């Protein structure tokens, strides 16, 4: 019984670490894309004539 609980907890811990790493990668990617899009918007702002 204790071994079953121990194995279950180890799987939960490992999946938590994997999900955390995936969330960090997704967050960094979204941040970088946001910065690039903002820089492109600032460069395109110069071409707008009113």
N, C-alpha and C. Protein backbone atom coordinates (compact mmCIF):
# COMPACT_ATOMS: atom_id res chain seq x y z
N UNK A 1 0.82 -1.20 0.00
CA UNK A 1 0.00 0.00 0.00
C UNK A 1 0.86 1.26 0.00
N UNK A 2 1.90 1.29 0.84
CA UNK A 2 2.75 2.46 0.91
C UNK A 2 3.54 2.66 -0.38
N UNK A 3 3.95 1.56 -1.01
CA UNK A 3 4.69 1.67 -2.27
C UNK A 3 3.80 2.27 -3.36
N UNK A 4 2.54 1.91 -3.37
CA UNK A 4 1.61 2.43 -4.37
C UNK A 4 1.44 3.95 -4.19
N UNK A 5 1.33 4.39 -2.95
CA UNK A 5 1.21 5.82 -2.67
C UNK A 5 2.50 6.53 -3.07
N UNK A 6 3.65 5.94 -2.75
CA UNK A 6 4.93 6.56 -3.08
C UNK A 6 5.10 6.70 -4.58
N UNK A 7 4.74 5.66 -5.35
CA UNK A 7 4.85 5.74 -6.81
C UNK A 7 3.90 6.79 -7.37
N UNK A 8 2.69 6.85 -6.81
CA UNK A 8 1.73 7.86 -7.26
C UNK A 8 2.22 9.27 -7.02
N UNK A 9 2.80 9.50 -5.85
CA UNK A 9 3.32 10.83 -5.53
C UNK A 9 4.51 11.19 -6.40
N UNK A 10 5.34 10.20 -6.73
CA UNK A 10 6.49 10.51 -7.58
C UNK A 10 6.04 10.88 -8.99
N UNK A 11 4.98 10.24 -9.48
CA UNK A 11 4.45 10.60 -10.80
C UNK A 11 3.83 12.00 -10.78
N UNK A 12 3.14 12.32 -9.68
CA UNK A 12 2.55 13.65 -9.56
C UNK A 12 3.64 14.71 -9.52
N UNK A 13 4.70 14.46 -8.79
CA UNK A 13 5.81 15.41 -8.71
C UNK A 13 6.50 15.61 -10.04
N UNK A 14 6.72 14.52 -10.74
CA UNK A 14 7.39 14.61 -12.05
C UNK A 14 6.51 15.36 -13.04
N UNK A 15 5.22 15.10 -13.03
CA UNK A 15 4.34 15.79 -13.97
C UNK A 15 4.25 17.28 -13.62
N UNK A 16 4.31 17.62 -12.35
CA UNK A 16 4.32 19.02 -11.95
C UNK A 16 5.54 19.75 -12.46
N UNK A 17 6.69 19.10 -12.39
CA UNK A 17 7.93 19.71 -12.89
C UNK A 17 7.86 19.90 -14.41
N UNK A 18 7.35 18.90 -15.11
CA UNK A 18 7.24 19.00 -16.57
C UNK A 18 6.29 20.12 -16.96
N UNK A 19 5.15 20.21 -16.30
CA UNK A 19 4.19 21.27 -16.61
C UNK A 19 4.80 22.64 -16.30
N UNK A 20 5.56 22.74 -15.22
CA UNK A 20 6.22 24.00 -14.89
C UNK A 20 7.21 24.43 -15.96
N UNK A 21 8.00 23.50 -16.46
CA UNK A 21 8.96 23.81 -17.52
C UNK A 21 8.24 24.25 -18.79
N UNK A 22 7.17 23.57 -19.13
CA UNK A 22 6.39 23.93 -20.32
C UNK A 22 5.81 25.34 -20.16
N UNK A 23 5.31 25.67 -18.98
CA UNK A 23 4.74 27.00 -18.75
C UNK A 23 5.80 28.09 -18.85
N UNK A 24 7.02 27.81 -18.37
CA UNK A 24 8.10 28.79 -18.49
C UNK A 24 8.44 29.04 -19.95
N UNK A 25 8.53 27.98 -20.74
CA UNK A 25 8.86 28.11 -22.16
C UNK A 25 7.77 28.89 -22.89
N UNK A 26 6.52 28.56 -22.61
CA UNK A 26 5.40 29.26 -23.27
C UNK A 26 5.39 30.73 -22.87
N UNK A 27 5.64 31.01 -21.60
CA UNK A 27 5.67 32.40 -21.14
C UNK A 27 6.78 33.21 -21.79
N UNK A 28 7.95 32.63 -21.87
CA UNK A 28 9.07 33.33 -22.52
C UNK A 28 8.78 33.57 -24.00
N UNK A 29 8.22 32.58 -24.66
CA UNK A 29 7.90 32.73 -26.08
C UNK A 29 6.87 33.83 -26.29
N UNK A 30 5.82 33.85 -25.46
CA UNK A 30 4.80 34.89 -25.59
C UNK A 30 5.39 36.27 -25.32
N UNK A 31 6.27 36.38 -24.34
CA UNK A 31 6.89 37.66 -24.04
C UNK A 31 7.77 38.16 -25.17
N UNK A 32 8.55 37.27 -25.74
CA UNK A 32 9.42 37.65 -26.86
C UNK A 32 8.60 38.08 -28.06
N UNK A 33 7.54 37.32 -28.37
CA UNK A 33 6.68 37.69 -29.49
C UNK A 33 6.00 39.03 -29.26
N UNK A 34 5.63 39.31 -28.04
CA UNK A 34 5.00 40.60 -27.71
C UNK A 34 5.98 41.75 -27.90
N UNK A 35 7.22 41.57 -27.48
CA UNK A 35 8.23 42.61 -27.65
C UNK A 35 8.50 42.86 -29.13
N UNK A 36 8.61 41.79 -29.91
CA UNK A 36 8.87 41.94 -31.35
C UNK A 36 7.70 42.63 -32.03
N UNK A 37 6.48 42.26 -31.67
CA UNK A 37 5.30 42.90 -32.28
C UNK A 37 5.23 44.37 -31.92
N UNK A 38 5.56 44.71 -30.69
CA UNK A 38 5.57 46.11 -30.28
C UNK A 38 6.63 46.91 -31.01
N UNK A 39 7.80 46.32 -31.21
CA UNK A 39 8.86 47.02 -31.95
C UNK A 39 8.45 47.23 -33.40
N UNK A 40 7.81 46.23 -33.99
CA UNK A 40 7.33 46.40 -35.37
C UNK A 40 6.27 47.48 -35.45
N UNK A 41 5.39 47.56 -34.47
CA UNK A 41 4.35 48.58 -34.47
C UNK A 41 4.96 49.97 -34.35
N UNK A 42 6.01 50.11 -33.55
CA UNK A 42 6.66 51.41 -33.42
C UNK A 42 7.35 51.83 -34.71
N UNK A 43 7.94 50.89 -35.42
CA UNK A 43 8.59 51.24 -36.68
C UNK A 43 7.57 51.58 -37.76
N UNK A 44 6.42 50.91 -37.73
CA UNK A 44 5.38 51.20 -38.73
C UNK A 44 4.66 52.52 -38.42
N UNK A 45 4.71 52.97 -37.17
CA UNK A 45 4.07 54.22 -36.78
C UNK A 45 4.67 55.41 -37.52
N UNK A 46 5.92 55.30 -37.88
CA UNK A 46 6.59 56.41 -38.57
C UNK A 46 6.02 56.65 -39.96
N UNK A 47 5.44 55.63 -40.57
CA UNK A 47 4.95 55.74 -41.94
C UNK A 47 3.51 56.24 -42.04
N UNK A 48 2.86 56.47 -40.90
CA UNK A 48 1.46 56.89 -40.92
C UNK A 48 1.40 58.41 -41.11
N UNK A 49 0.59 58.84 -42.09
CA UNK A 49 0.37 60.26 -42.35
C UNK A 49 -1.09 60.58 -42.06
N UNK A 50 -1.33 61.69 -41.34
CA UNK A 50 -2.69 62.11 -41.06
C UNK A 50 -3.06 63.29 -41.92
